Amino acid sequence: MATGRTHRPATRSRGIPEATVARLPLYLRALTALSERSVPTVSSEELAAAAGVNSAKLRKDFSYLGSYGTRGVGYDVEYLVYQISRELGLTQDWPVVIVGIGNLGAALANYGGFASRGFRVAALIDADPAMAGTPVAGMPVQHSDELEKIIEDNGVSIGVISTPAGAAQQVCERLVAAGVTSILNFAPTVLSVPDGVDVRKVDLSIELQILAFHEQRKAGEDAAHEGPVPPVPAKQQRKGPDGDVPAVMPA
């Protein structure tokens, strides 16, 4: 089986837009669920709804793969699973190292979805000497002093960083210098990388803040539907440079 170091996905050479590449895993997840239920074919409308996109966008995305479906029948589920998996490079073996085996790193190490999607966790690495040899997800944690040798021995081209923010850039630089060309970053910081290195950032706090924004907006809409906000009584107002403003209430 080919390794990640010597084989790269064909998406860029085929000119598939990045936005389409970002949606391919959504289609694959929906198709895999259909395959597990032994559904033989699916319409573009059904698959688009399952993936959370509109059907016109789905058909456009699939046209880049050379897959147009059959009128009145739809798309062959098993063939699409294979076609998208091949396009994403998931028919190959991709050795991955996870650096930073704290709570998040340990959770990632225990995630069963890596192996089922073509990713093999080759090593778990941490800078804490006390962690060395500790089994996590059935694998012994190795000290970060061994990072370069581990990458070379396993032909690793994908690294996962789950360290504290302050250590992430240094870890990133060591990974890149050792030959890693793709990084999945869970550390709450922006990494600086040279051309030719791809970084995908997963920041849970940012996602929660975006959800908080939407919750606040929905709460504001609900309040607007309930009627106007009653005026502040005059005794609670004071004069400001731009007129009356609510007084600051004591804590």
Foldseek 3Di string as FASTA:
>chain_A
DDEPLPDDACCVVLPQDPVLLVQLVLLLVLLVVCVVVVNFFDALCRSCVSSVHHSVVVQVSVVSLVDRADPPTHDGSVVSNVSSLRNRVQVEAAEEEEEACDPVSLVVLLDPVQVVRRYDDQAYEYQDPVQAQPDRNNHRYHYPVCVLVSCVVRVHQEYEYDHEQVCVQVVVVVCVVSHHQEYEYAYPDDYDDDPRHHYHYDDPVVVVVVVVVVVVVVVVVVVVVVDDDDDDDPVQWDADPVGIDGHDDDD
